[in-house]
Amino acid sequence: MSREEFDKNESSIMHQLQNGGFNQSASRDFGGYQNSHSGDNRIYTAEDIGAFSSAEFSHHEPAINAQMNSIGIPTNNDMQNSGGTVYVAPYTRSDGVEVRGHYRSR
């Protein structure tokens, strides 16, 4: 999806994310998941994506799209009820960068 398409459809996309309109994953084991774009094991939830600014979304969009095409976009509740994941609490890196809390696979 291009930036223009996203901007045009943002309210509909956010509504679907918040109300389970995308491929949701209930009671799944996400252990071993690796994002095919970024190569890391971060799992974006609907709430993560909804909290992103436009700039943050643009930065993460390729990884989000790769995840959407493989495991879908789970909610935080889905992640709490799934196996093979761990929640990483928010922290500040040694270089001063604030890292938001997020889920990752084990």
PDB file of N, CA and C in Angstrom:
ATOM      1  N   MET A   1       0.853  -1.162   0.000  1.00  0.00           N
ATOM      2  CA  MET A   1       0.000   0.000   0.000  1.00  0.00           C
ATOM      3  C   MET A   1       0.907   1.236   0.000  1.00  0.00           C
ATOM      4  N   SER A   2       0.620   2.150  -0.874  1.00  0.00           N
ATOM      5  CA  SER A   2       1.417   3.375  -0.944  1.00  0.00           C
ATOM      6  C   SER A   2       1.037   4.309   0.209  1.00  0.00           C
ATOM      7  N   ARG A   3       1.886   5.289   0.463  1.00  0.00           N
ATOM      8  CA  ARG A   3       1.615   6.284   1.504  1.00  0.00           C
ATOM      9  C   ARG A   3       0.303   7.010   1.215  1.00  0.00           C
ATOM     10  N   GLU A   4       0.059   7.331  -0.055  1.00  0.00           N
ATOM     11  CA  GLU A   4      -1.173   8.026  -0.435  1.00  0.00           C
ATOM     12  C   GLU A   4      -2.399   7.154  -0.174  1.00  0.00           C
ATOM     13  N   GLU A   5      -2.290   5.856  -0.506  1.00  0.00           N
ATOM     14  CA  GLU A   5      -3.406   4.946  -0.250  1.00  0.00           C
ATOM     15  C   GLU A   5      -3.670   4.824   1.250  1.00  0.00           C
ATOM     16  N   PHE A   6      -2.590   4.735   2.037  1.00  0.00           N
ATOM     17  CA  PHE A   6      -2.765   4.647   3.478  1.00  0.00           C
ATOM     18  C   PHE A   6      -3.455   5.906   4.003  1.00  0.00           C
ATOM     19  N   ASP A   7      -2.944   7.083   3.603  1.00  0.00           N
ATOM     20  CA  ASP A   7      -3.533   8.337   4.076  1.00  0.00           C
ATOM     21  C   ASP A   7      -5.021   8.411   3.737  1.00  0.00           C
ATOM     22  N   LYS A   8      -5.362   7.985   2.528  1.00  0.00           N
ATOM     23  CA  LYS A   8      -6.754   8.029   2.081  1.00  0.00           C
ATOM     24  C   LYS A   8      -7.635   7.088   2.901  1.00  0.00           C
ATOM     25  N   ASN A   9      -7.077   5.948   3.302  1.00  0.00           N
ATOM     26  CA  ASN A   9      -7.857   4.908   3.978  1.00  0.00           C
ATOM     27  C   ASN A   9      -7.529   4.753   5.459  1.00  0.00           C
ATOM     28  N   GLU A  10      -6.759   5.685   6.020  1.00  0.00           N
ATOM     29  CA  GLU A  10      -6.277   5.530   7.392  1.00  0.00           C
ATOM     30  C   GLU A  10      -7.394   5.308   8.407  1.00  0.00           C
ATOM     31  N   SER A  11      -8.456   6.097   8.352  1.00  0.00           N
ATOM     32  CA  SER A  11      -9.513   5.939   9.358  1.00  0.00           C
ATOM     33  C   SER A  11     -10.168   4.565   9.254  1.00  0.00           C
ATOM     34  N   SER A  12     -10.370   4.081   8.046  1.00  0.00           N
ATOM     35  CA  SER A  12     -10.955   2.752   7.868  1.00  0.00           C
ATOM     36  C   SER A  12      -9.998   1.659   8.359  1.00  0.00           C
ATOM     37  N   ILE A  13      -8.721   1.807   8.075  1.00  0.00           N
ATOM     38  CA  ILE A  13      -7.716   0.830   8.508  1.00  0.00           C
ATOM     39  C   ILE A  13      -7.674   0.776  10.030  1.00  0.00           C
ATOM     40  N   MET A  14      -7.615   1.945  10.663  1.00  0.00           N
ATOM     41  CA  MET A  14      -7.549   1.989  12.126  1.00  0.00           C
ATOM     42  C   MET A  14      -8.815   1.399  12.749  1.00  0.00           C
ATOM     43  N   HIS A  15      -9.956   1.675  12.153  1.00  0.00           N
ATOM     44  CA  HIS A  15     -11.214   1.106  12.644  1.00  0.00           C
ATOM     45  C   HIS A  15     -11.165  -0.418  12.566  1.00  0.00           C
ATOM     46  N   GLN A  16     -10.691  -0.949  11.439  1.00  0.00           N
ATOM     47  CA  GLN A  16     -10.614  -2.396  11.281  1.00  0.00           C
ATOM     48  C   GLN A  16      -9.611  -3.002  12.256  1.00  0.00           C
ATOM     49  N   LEU A  17      -8.469  -2.333  12.467  1.00  0.00           N
ATOM     50  CA  LEU A  17      -7.491  -2.836  13.420  1.00  0.00           C
ATOM     51  C   LEU A  17      -8.085  -2.914  14.820  1.00  0.00           C
ATOM     52  N   GLN A  18      -8.813  -1.877  15.213  1.00  0.00           N
ATOM     53  CA  GLN A  18      -9.385  -1.822  16.551  1.00  0.00           C
ATOM     54  C   GLN A  18     -10.539  -2.787  16.731  1.00  0.00           C
ATOM     55  N   ASN A  19     -11.211  -3.157  15.653  1.00  0.00           N
ATOM     56  CA  ASN A  19     -12.400  -3.999  15.751  1.00  0.00           C
ATOM     57  C   ASN A  19     -12.229  -5.382  15.142  1.00  0.00           C
ATOM     58  N   GLY A  20     -10.992  -5.808  14.962  1.00  0.00           N
ATOM     59  CA  GLY A  20     -10.740  -7.179  14.519  1.00  0.00           C
ATOM     60  C   GLY A  20     -11.013  -7.440  13.058  1.00  0.00           C
ATOM     61  N   GLY A  21     -10.922  -6.431  12.209  1.00  0.00           N
ATOM     62  CA  GLY A  21     -11.211  -6.618  10.793  1.00  0.00           C
ATOM     63  C   GLY A  21     -10.090  -7.236   9.988  1.00  0.00           C
ATOM     64  N   PHE A  22      -8.896  -7.315  10.552  1.00  0.00           N
ATOM     65  CA  PHE A  22      -7.779  -7.940   9.852  1.00  0.00           C
ATOM     66  C   PHE A  22      -7.578  -9.347  10.385  1.00  0.00           C
ATOM     67  N   ASN A  23      -6.709 -10.076   9.749  1.00  0.00           N
ATOM     68  CA  ASN A  23      -6.416 -11.454  10.121  1.00  0.00           C
ATOM     69  C   ASN A  23      -5.936 -11.505  11.566  1.00  0.00           C
ATOM     70  N   GLN A  24      -6.845 -11.764  12.476  1.00  0.00           N
ATOM     71  CA  GLN A  24      -6.518 -11.823  13.896  1.00  0.00           C
ATOM     72  C   GLN A  24      -6.118 -13.244  14.256  1.00  0.00           C
ATOM     73  N   SER A  25      -5.318 -13.367  15.273  1.00  0.00           N
ATOM     74  CA  SER A  25      -4.792 -14.656  15.682  1.00  0.00           C
ATOM     75  C   SER A  25      -5.165 -14.921  17.136  1.00  0.00           C
ATOM     76  N   ALA A  26      -6.097 -15.832  17.372  1.00  0.00           N
ATOM     77  CA  ALA A  26      -6.527 -16.146  18.724  1.00  0.00           C
ATOM     78  C   ALA A  26      -5.836 -17.410  19.206  1.00  0.00           C
ATOM     79  N   SER A  27      -5.296 -17.358  20.415  1.00  0.00           N
ATOM     80  CA  SER A  27      -4.677 -18.519  21.065  1.00  0.00           C
ATOM     81  C   SER A  27      -3.706 -19.245  20.147  1.00  0.00           C
ATOM     82  N   ARG A  28      -2.783 -18.526  19.591  1.00  0.00           N
ATOM     83  CA  ARG A  28      -1.771 -19.132  18.727  1.00  0.00           C
ATOM     84  C   ARG A  28      -0.427 -19.112  19.415  1.00  0.00           C
ATOM     85  N   ASP A  29       0.452 -19.930  18.945  1.00  0.00           N
ATOM     86  CA  ASP A  29       1.830 -19.929  19.426  1.00  0.00           C
ATOM     87  C   ASP A  29       2.660 -19.189  18.394  1.00  0.00           C
ATOM     88  N   PHE A  30       3.201 -18.049  18.784  1.00  0.00           N
ATOM     89  CA  PHE A  30       4.004 -17.233  17.876  1.00  0.00           C
ATOM     90  C   PHE A  30       5.494 -17.482  18.060  1.00  0.00           C
ATOM     91  N   GLY A  31       5.853 -18.515  18.831  1.00  0.00           N
ATOM     92  CA  GLY A  31       7.258 -18.838  19.066  1.00  0.00           C
ATOM     93  C   GLY A  31       7.999 -19.056  17.756  1.00  0.00           C
ATOM     94  N   GLY A  32       9.175 -18.483  17.653  1.00  0.00           N
ATOM     95  CA  GLY A  32      10.004 -18.655  16.474  1.00  0.00           C
ATOM     96  C   GLY A  32       9.681 -17.718  15.330  1.00  0.00           C
ATOM     97  N   TYR A  33       8.664 -16.835  15.503  1.00  0.00           N
ATOM     98  CA  TYR A  33       8.330 -15.907  14.415  1.00  0.00           C
ATOM     99  C   TYR A  33       9.509 -14.975  14.152  1.00  0.00           C
ATOM    100  N   GLN A  34       9.797 -14.794  12.880  1.00  0.00           N
ATOM    101  CA  GLN A  34      10.800 -13.835  12.450  1.00  0.00           C
ATOM    102  C   GLN A  34      10.233 -13.063  11.275  1.00  0.00           C
ATOM    103  N   ASN A  35      10.280 -11.742  11.357  1.00  0.00           N
ATOM    104  CA  ASN A  35       9.729 -10.894  10.307  1.00  0.00           C
ATOM    105  C   ASN A  35      10.580 -11.023   9.052  1.00  0.00           C
ATOM    106  N   SER A  36       9.949 -11.328   7.936  1.00  0.00           N
ATOM    107  CA  SER A  36      10.682 -11.548   6.681  1.00  0.00           C
ATOM    108  C   SER A  36      11.301 -10.274   6.122  1.00  0.00           C
ATOM    109  N   HIS A  37      10.804  -9.117   6.530  1.00  0.00           N
ATOM    110  CA  HIS A  37      11.388  -7.855   6.056  1.00  0.00           C
ATOM    111  C   HIS A  37      12.519  -7.388   6.970  1.00  0.00           C
ATOM    112  N   SER A  38      12.232  -7.297   8.256  1.00  0.00           N
ATOM    113  CA  SER A  38      13.205  -6.728   9.195  1.00  0.00           C
ATOM    114  C   SER A  38      14.193  -7.758   9.728  1.00  0.00           C
ATOM    115  N   GLY A  39      13.792  -9.031   9.708  1.00  0.00           N
ATOM    116  CA  GLY A  39      14.657 -10.080  10.229  1.00  0.00           C
ATOM    117  C   GLY A  39      14.641 -10.203  11.743  1.00  0.00           C
ATOM    118  N   ASP A  40      13.857  -9.341  12.431  1.00  0.00           N
ATOM    119  CA  ASP A  40      13.805  -9.431  13.887  1.00  0.00           C
ATOM    120  C   ASP A  40      12.548 -10.181  14.328  1.00  0.00           C
ATOM    121  N   ASN A  41      12.404 -10.322  15.648  1.00  0.00           N
ATOM    122  CA  ASN A  41      11.283 -11.117  16.169  1.00  0.00           C
ATOM    123  C   ASN A  41      10.211 -10.260  16.834  1.00  0.00           C
ATOM    124  N   ARG A  42      10.212  -8.955  16.566  1.00  0.00           N
ATOM    125  CA  ARG A  42       9.176  -8.079  17.110  1.00  0.00           C
ATOM    126  C   ARG A  42       7.841  -8.404  16.453  1.00  0.00           C
ATOM    127  N   ILE A  43       6.781  -8.395  17.251  1.00  0.00           N
ATOM    128  CA  ILE A  43       5.433  -8.610  16.736  1.00  0.00           C
ATOM    129  C   ILE A  43       4.636  -7.337  16.983  1.00  0.00           C
ATOM    130  N   TYR A  44       4.186  -6.707  15.899  1.00  0.00           N
ATOM    131  CA  TYR A  44       3.384  -5.486  16.004  1.00  0.00           C
ATOM    132  C   TYR A  44       1.947  -5.858  16.320  1.00  0.00           C
ATOM    133  N   THR A  45       1.371  -5.210  17.331  1.00  0.00           N
ATOM    134  CA  THR A  45      -0.034  -5.437  17.640  1.00  0.00           C
ATOM    135  C   THR A  45      -0.861  -4.292  17.067  1.00  0.00           C
ATOM    136  N   ALA A  46      -2.160  -4.495  17.016  1.00  0.00           N
ATOM    137  CA  ALA A  46      -3.060  -3.447  16.523  1.00  0.00           C
ATOM    138  C   ALA A  46      -2.901  -2.180  17.347  1.00  0.00           C
ATOM    139  N   GLU A  47      -2.720  -2.347  18.661  1.00  0.00           N
ATOM    140  CA  GLU A  47      -2.557  -1.184  19.532  1.00  0.00           C
ATOM    141  C   GLU A  47      -1.245  -0.456  19.260  1.00  0.00           C
ATOM    142  N   ASP A  48      -0.176  -1.201  18.978  1.00  0.00           N
ATOM    143  CA  ASP A  48       1.105  -0.575  18.616  1.00  0.00           C
ATOM    144  C   ASP A  48       0.923   0.303  17.385  1.00  0.00           C
ATOM    145  N   ILE A  49       0.322  -0.280  16.368  1.00  0.00           N
ATOM    146  CA  ILE A  49       0.159   0.421  15.095  1.00  0.00           C
ATOM    147  C   ILE A  49      -0.737   1.640  15.264  1.00  0.00           C
ATOM    148  N   GLY A  50      -1.809   1.492  16.027  1.00  0.00           N
ATOM    149  CA  GLY A  50      -2.724   2.607  16.249  1.00  0.00           C
ATOM    150  C   GLY A  50      -2.078   3.771  16.990  1.00  0.00           C
ATOM    151  N   ALA A  51      -1.043   3.496  17.784  1.00  0.00           N
ATOM    152  CA  ALA A  51      -0.374   4.544  18.557  1.00  0.00           C
ATOM    153  C   ALA A  51       0.750   5.220  17.781  1.00  0.00           C
ATOM    154  N   PHE A  52       1.124   4.660  16.618  1.00  0.00           N
ATOM    155  CA  PHE A  52       2.206   5.248  15.832  1.00  0.00           C
ATOM    156  C   PHE A  52       1.786   6.588  15.240  1.00  0.00           C
ATOM    157  N   SER A  53       2.722   7.507  15.192  1.00  0.00           N
ATOM    158  CA  SER A  53       2.520   8.729  14.414  1.00  0.00           C
ATOM    159  C   SER A  53       2.633   8.339  12.947  1.00  0.00           C
ATOM    160  N   SER A  54       2.290   9.231  12.053  1.00  0.00           N
ATOM    161  CA  SER A  54       2.422   8.945  10.615  1.00  0.00           C
ATOM    162  C   SER A  54       3.871   8.615  10.265  1.00  0.00           C
ATOM    163  N   ALA A  55       4.811   9.363  10.860  1.00  0.00           N
ATOM    164  CA  ALA A  55       6.230   9.122  10.576  1.00  0.00           C
ATOM    165  C   ALA A  55       6.662   7.749  11.088  1.00  0.00           C
ATOM    166  N   GLU A  56       6.216   7.378  12.298  1.00  0.00           N
ATOM    167  CA  GLU A  56       6.561   6.059  12.832  1.00  0.00           C
ATOM    168  C   GLU A  56       5.958   4.959  11.966  1.00  0.00           C
ATOM    169  N   PHE A  57       4.705   5.144  11.551  1.00  0.00           N
ATOM    170  CA  PHE A  57       4.073   4.140  10.704  1.00  0.00           C
ATOM    171  C   PHE A  57       4.855   3.985   9.400  1.00  0.00           C
ATOM    172  N   SER A  58       5.224   5.089   8.786  1.00  0.00           N
ATOM    173  CA  SER A  58       5.981   5.030   7.533  1.00  0.00           C
ATOM    174  C   SER A  58       7.294   4.271   7.717  1.00  0.00           C
ATOM    175  N   HIS A  59       7.951   4.512   8.844  1.00  0.00           N
ATOM    176  CA  HIS A  59       9.218   3.836   9.129  1.00  0.00           C
ATOM    177  C   HIS A  59       9.020   2.319   9.268  1.00  0.00           C
ATOM    178  N   HIS A  60       7.966   1.911   9.960  1.00  0.00           N
ATOM    179  CA  HIS A  60       7.720   0.491  10.241  1.00  0.00           C
ATOM    180  C   HIS A  60       6.837  -0.201   9.201  1.00  0.00           C
ATOM    181  N   GLU A  61       6.283   0.544   8.256  1.00  0.00           N
ATOM    182  CA  GLU A  61       5.304  -0.004   7.320  1.00  0.00           C
ATOM    183  C   GLU A  61       5.756  -1.267   6.592  1.00  0.00           C
ATOM    184  N   PRO A  62       6.979  -1.342   6.040  1.00  0.00           N
ATOM    185  CA  PRO A  62       7.361  -2.580   5.347  1.00  0.00           C
ATOM    186  C   PRO A  62       7.342  -3.802   6.269  1.00  0.00           C
ATOM    187  N   ALA A  63       7.796  -3.645   7.509  1.00  0.00           N
ATOM    188  CA  ALA A  63       7.784  -4.764   8.459  1.00  0.00           C
ATOM    189  C   ALA A  63       6.355  -5.112   8.864  1.00  0.00           C
ATOM    190  N   ILE A  64       5.501  -4.100   9.037  1.00  0.00           N
ATOM    191  CA  ILE A  64       4.098  -4.337   9.378  1.00  0.00           C
ATOM    192  C   ILE A  64       3.415  -5.102   8.243  1.00  0.00           C
ATOM    193  N   ASN A  65       3.654  -4.690   7.014  1.00  0.00           N
ATOM    194  CA  ASN A  65       3.051  -5.379   5.865  1.00  0.00           C
ATOM    195  C   ASN A  65       3.531  -6.821   5.775  1.00  0.00           C
ATOM    196  N   ALA A  66       4.818  -7.054   6.025  1.00  0.00           N
ATOM    197  CA  ALA A  66       5.334  -8.429   5.997  1.00  0.00           C
ATOM    198  C   ALA A  66       4.660  -9.271   7.068  1.00  0.00           C
ATOM    199  N   GLN A  67       4.481  -8.697   8.255  1.00  0.00           N
ATOM    200  CA  GLN A  67       3.807  -9.426   9.336  1.00  0.00           C
ATOM    201  C   GLN A  67       2.347  -9.680   8.980  1.00  0.00           C
ATOM    202  N   MET A  68       1.686  -8.667   8.437  1.00  0.00           N
ATOM    203  CA  MET A  68       0.266  -8.806   8.084  1.00  0.00           C
ATOM    204  C   MET A  68       0.070  -9.948   7.091  1.00  0.00           C
ATOM    205  N   ASN A  69       1.028 -10.117   6.189  1.00  0.00           N
ATOM    206  CA  ASN A  69       0.920 -11.168   5.181  1.00  0.00           C
ATOM    207  C   ASN A  69       1.306 -12.552   5.698  1.00  0.00           C
ATOM    208  N   SER A  70       1.886 -12.623   6.899  1.00  0.00           N
ATOM    209  CA  SER A  70       2.267 -13.943   7.408  1.00  0.00           C
ATOM    210  C   SER A  70       1.427 -14.354   8.624  1.00  0.00           C
ATOM    211  N   ILE A  71       1.495 -13.611   9.717  1.00  0.00           N
ATOM    212  CA  ILE A  71       0.756 -14.012  10.925  1.00  0.00           C
ATOM    213  C   ILE A  71      -0.411 -13.099  11.245  1.00  0.00           C
ATOM    214  N   GLY A  72      -0.601 -12.047  10.461  1.00  0.00           N
ATOM    215  CA  GLY A  72      -1.677 -11.108  10.725  1.00  0.00           C
ATOM    216  C   GLY A  72      -1.269 -10.082  11.767  1.00  0.00           C
ATOM    217  N   ILE A  73      -2.247  -9.314  12.223  1.00  0.00           N
ATOM    218  CA  ILE A  73      -2.004  -8.271  13.218  1.00  0.00           C
ATOM    219  C   ILE A  73      -2.826  -8.614  14.465  1.00  0.00           C
ATOM    220  N   PRO A  74      -2.199  -9.263  15.438  1.00  0.00           N
ATOM    221  CA  PRO A  74      -2.936  -9.613  16.653  1.00  0.00           C
ATOM    222  C   PRO A  74      -3.162  -8.388  17.541  1.00  0.00           C
ATOM    223  N   THR A  75      -4.061  -8.507  18.487  1.00  0.00           N
ATOM    224  CA  THR A  75      -4.269  -7.462  19.492  1.00  0.00           C
ATOM    225  C   THR A  75      -3.386  -7.782  20.701  1.00  0.00           C
ATOM    226  N   ASN A  76      -3.275  -6.838  21.620  1.00  0.00           N
ATOM    227  CA  ASN A  76      -2.531  -7.118  22.853  1.00  0.00           C
ATOM    228  C   ASN A  76      -3.170  -8.289  23.592  1.00  0.00           C
ATOM    229  N   ASN A  77      -4.496  -8.370  23.579  1.00  0.00           N
ATOM    230  CA  ASN A  77      -5.189  -9.472  24.233  1.00  0.00           C
ATOM    231  C   ASN A  77      -4.821 -10.811  23.588  1.00  0.00           C
ATOM    232  N   ASP A  78      -4.751 -10.830  22.261  1.00  0.00           N
ATOM    233  CA  ASP A  78      -4.330 -12.053  21.568  1.00  0.00           C
ATOM    234  C   ASP A  78      -2.941 -12.475  22.041  1.00  0.00           C
ATOM    235  N   MET A  79      -2.053 -11.489  22.195  1.00  0.00           N
ATOM    236  CA  MET A  79      -0.673 -11.788  22.585  1.00  0.00           C
ATOM    237  C   MET A  79      -0.611 -12.307  24.016  1.00  0.00           C
ATOM    238  N   GLN A  80      -1.430 -11.759  24.900  1.00  0.00           N
ATOM    239  CA  GLN A  80      -1.440 -12.205  26.288  1.00  0.00           C
ATOM    240  C   GLN A  80      -1.932 -13.642  26.399  1.00  0.00           C
ATOM    241  N   ASN A  81      -2.754 -14.062  25.446  1.00  0.00           N
ATOM    242  CA  ASN A  81      -3.331 -15.405  25.467  1.00  0.00           C
ATOM    243  C   ASN A  81      -2.603 -16.371  24.538  1.00  0.00           C
ATOM    244  N   SER A  82      -1.472 -15.957  24.000  1.00  0.00           N
ATOM    245  CA  SER A  82      -0.744 -16.822  23.071  1.00  0.00           C
ATOM    246  C   SER A  82       0.506 -17.367  23.726  1.00  0.00           C
ATOM    247  N   GLY A  83       1.093 -18.322  23.069  1.00  0.00           N
ATOM    248  CA  GLY A  83       2.338 -18.896  23.557  1.00  0.00           C
ATOM    249  C   GLY A  83       3.508 -18.432  22.708  1.00  0.00           C
ATOM    250  N   GLY A  84       4.693 -18.646  23.222  1.00  0.00           N
ATOM    251  CA  GLY A  84       5.895 -18.366  22.456  1.00  0.00           C
ATOM    252  C   GLY A  84       6.262 -16.902  22.345  1.00  0.00           C
ATOM    253  N   THR A  85       5.678 -16.054  23.208  1.00  0.00           N
ATOM    254  CA  THR A  85       5.991 -14.629  23.147  1.00  0.00           C
ATOM    255  C   THR A  85       6.392 -14.111  24.519  1.00  0.00           C
ATOM    256  N   VAL A  86       7.032 -12.971  24.515  1.00  0.00           N
ATOM    257  CA  VAL A  86       7.402 -12.292  25.747  1.00  0.00           C
ATOM    258  C   VAL A  86       7.145 -10.806  25.540  1.00  0.00           C
ATOM    259  N   TYR A  87       6.700 -10.131  26.606  1.00  0.00           N
ATOM    260  CA  TYR A  87       6.490  -8.687  26.542  1.00  0.00           C
ATOM    261  C   TYR A  87       7.772  -8.012  26.977  1.00  0.00           C
ATOM    262  N   VAL A  88       8.236  -7.065  26.180  1.00  0.00           N
ATOM    263  CA  VAL A  88       9.412  -6.268  26.512  1.00  0.00           C
ATOM    264  C   VAL A  88       8.903  -4.931  27.029  1.00  0.00           C
ATOM    265  N   ALA A  89       9.166  -4.648  28.304  1.00  0.00           N
ATOM    266  CA  ALA A  89       8.710  -3.401  28.919  1.00  0.00           C
ATOM    267  C   ALA A  89       9.444  -2.208  28.307  1.00  0.00           C
ATOM    268  N   PRO A  90       8.807  -1.033  28.326  1.00  0.00           N
ATOM    269  CA  PRO A  90       9.477   0.160  27.796  1.00  0.00           C
ATOM    270  C   PRO A  90      10.805   0.399  28.528  1.00  0.00           C
ATOM    271  N   TYR A  91      11.788   0.891  27.797  1.00  0.00           N
ATOM    272  CA  TYR A  91      13.085   1.187  28.410  1.00  0.00           C
ATOM    273  C   TYR A  91      13.799   2.267  27.612  1.00  0.00           C
ATOM    274  N   THR A  92      14.875   2.787  28.185  1.00  0.00           N
ATOM    275  CA  THR A  92      15.717   3.779  27.519  1.00  0.00           C
ATOM    276  C   THR A  92      17.057   3.128  27.224  1.00  0.00           C
ATOM    277  N   ARG A  93      17.452   3.141  25.966  1.00  0.00           N
ATOM    278  CA  ARG A  93      18.740   2.572  25.580  1.00  0.00           C
ATOM    279  C   ARG A  93      19.872   3.457  26.089  1.00  0.00           C
ATOM    280  N   SER A  94      21.076   2.930  26.102  1.00  0.00           N
ATOM    281  CA  SER A  94      22.225   3.687  26.603  1.00  0.00           C
ATOM    282  C   SER A  94      22.494   4.946  25.773  1.00  0.00           C
ATOM    283  N   ASP A  95      22.024   4.948  24.510  1.00  0.00           N
ATOM    284  CA  ASP A  95      22.217   6.138  23.669  1.00  0.00           C
ATOM    285  C   ASP A  95      21.090   7.158  23.856  1.00  0.00           C
ATOM    286  N   GLY A  96      20.181   6.901  24.826  1.00  0.00           N
ATOM    287  CA  GLY A  96      19.119   7.843  25.139  1.00  0.00           C
ATOM    288  C   GLY A  96      17.823   7.633  24.376  1.00  0.00           C
ATOM    289  N   VAL A  97      17.780   6.691  23.465  1.00  0.00           N
ATOM    290  CA  VAL A  97      16.576   6.430  22.676  1.00  0.00           C
ATOM    291  C   VAL A  97      15.549   5.697  23.532  1.00  0.00           C
ATOM    292  N   GLU A  98      14.321   6.237  23.550  1.00  0.00           N
ATOM    293  CA  GLU A  98      13.218   5.604  24.273  1.00  0.00           C
ATOM    294  C   GLU A  98      12.635   4.486  23.407  1.00  0.00           C
ATOM    295  N   VAL A  99      12.513   3.309  23.986  1.00  0.00           N
ATOM    296  CA  VAL A  99      11.935   2.162  23.275  1.00  0.00           C
ATOM    297  C   VAL A  99      10.585   1.863  23.901  1.00  0.00           C
ATOM    298  N   ARG A 100       9.537   1.861  23.081  1.00  0.00           N
ATOM    299  CA  ARG A 100       8.195   1.533  23.577  1.00  0.00           C
ATOM    300  C   ARG A 100       8.120   0.056  23.945  1.00  0.00           C
ATOM    301  N   GLY A 101       7.212  -0.248  24.872  1.00  0.00           N
ATOM    302  CA  GLY A 101       6.969  -1.633  25.191  1.00  0.00           C
ATOM    303  C   GLY A 101       6.412  -2.356  23.972  1.00  0.00           C
ATOM    304  N   HIS A 102       6.760  -3.628  23.827  1.00  0.00           N
ATOM    305  CA  HIS A 102       6.302  -4.399  22.663  1.00  0.00           C
ATOM    306  C   HIS A 102       6.423  -5.889  22.939  1.00  0.00           C
ATOM    307  N   TYR A 103       5.814  -6.675  22.086  1.00  0.00           N
ATOM    308  CA  TYR A 103       5.920  -8.125  22.158  1.00  0.00           C
ATOM    309  C   TYR A 103       6.946  -8.620  21.150  1.00  0.00           C
ATOM    310  N   ARG A 104       7.570  -9.742  21.501  1.00  0.00           N
ATOM    311  CA  ARG A 104       8.469 -10.405  20.576  1.00  0.00           C
ATOM    312  C   ARG A 104       8.302 -11.903  20.750  1.00  0.00           C
ATOM    313  N   SER A 105       8.671 -12.639  19.720  1.00  0.00           N
ATOM    314  CA  SER A 105       8.614 -14.091  19.843  1.00  0.00           C
ATOM    315  C   SER A 105       9.858 -14.578  20.571  1.00  0.00           C
ATOM    316  N   ARG A 106       9.752 -15.763  21.123  1.00  0.00           N
ATOM    317  CA  ARG A 106      10.907 -16.360  21.832  1.00  0.00           C
ATOM    318  C   ARG A 106      11.753 -17.120  20.865  1.00  0.00           C
TER     319      ARG A 106
END
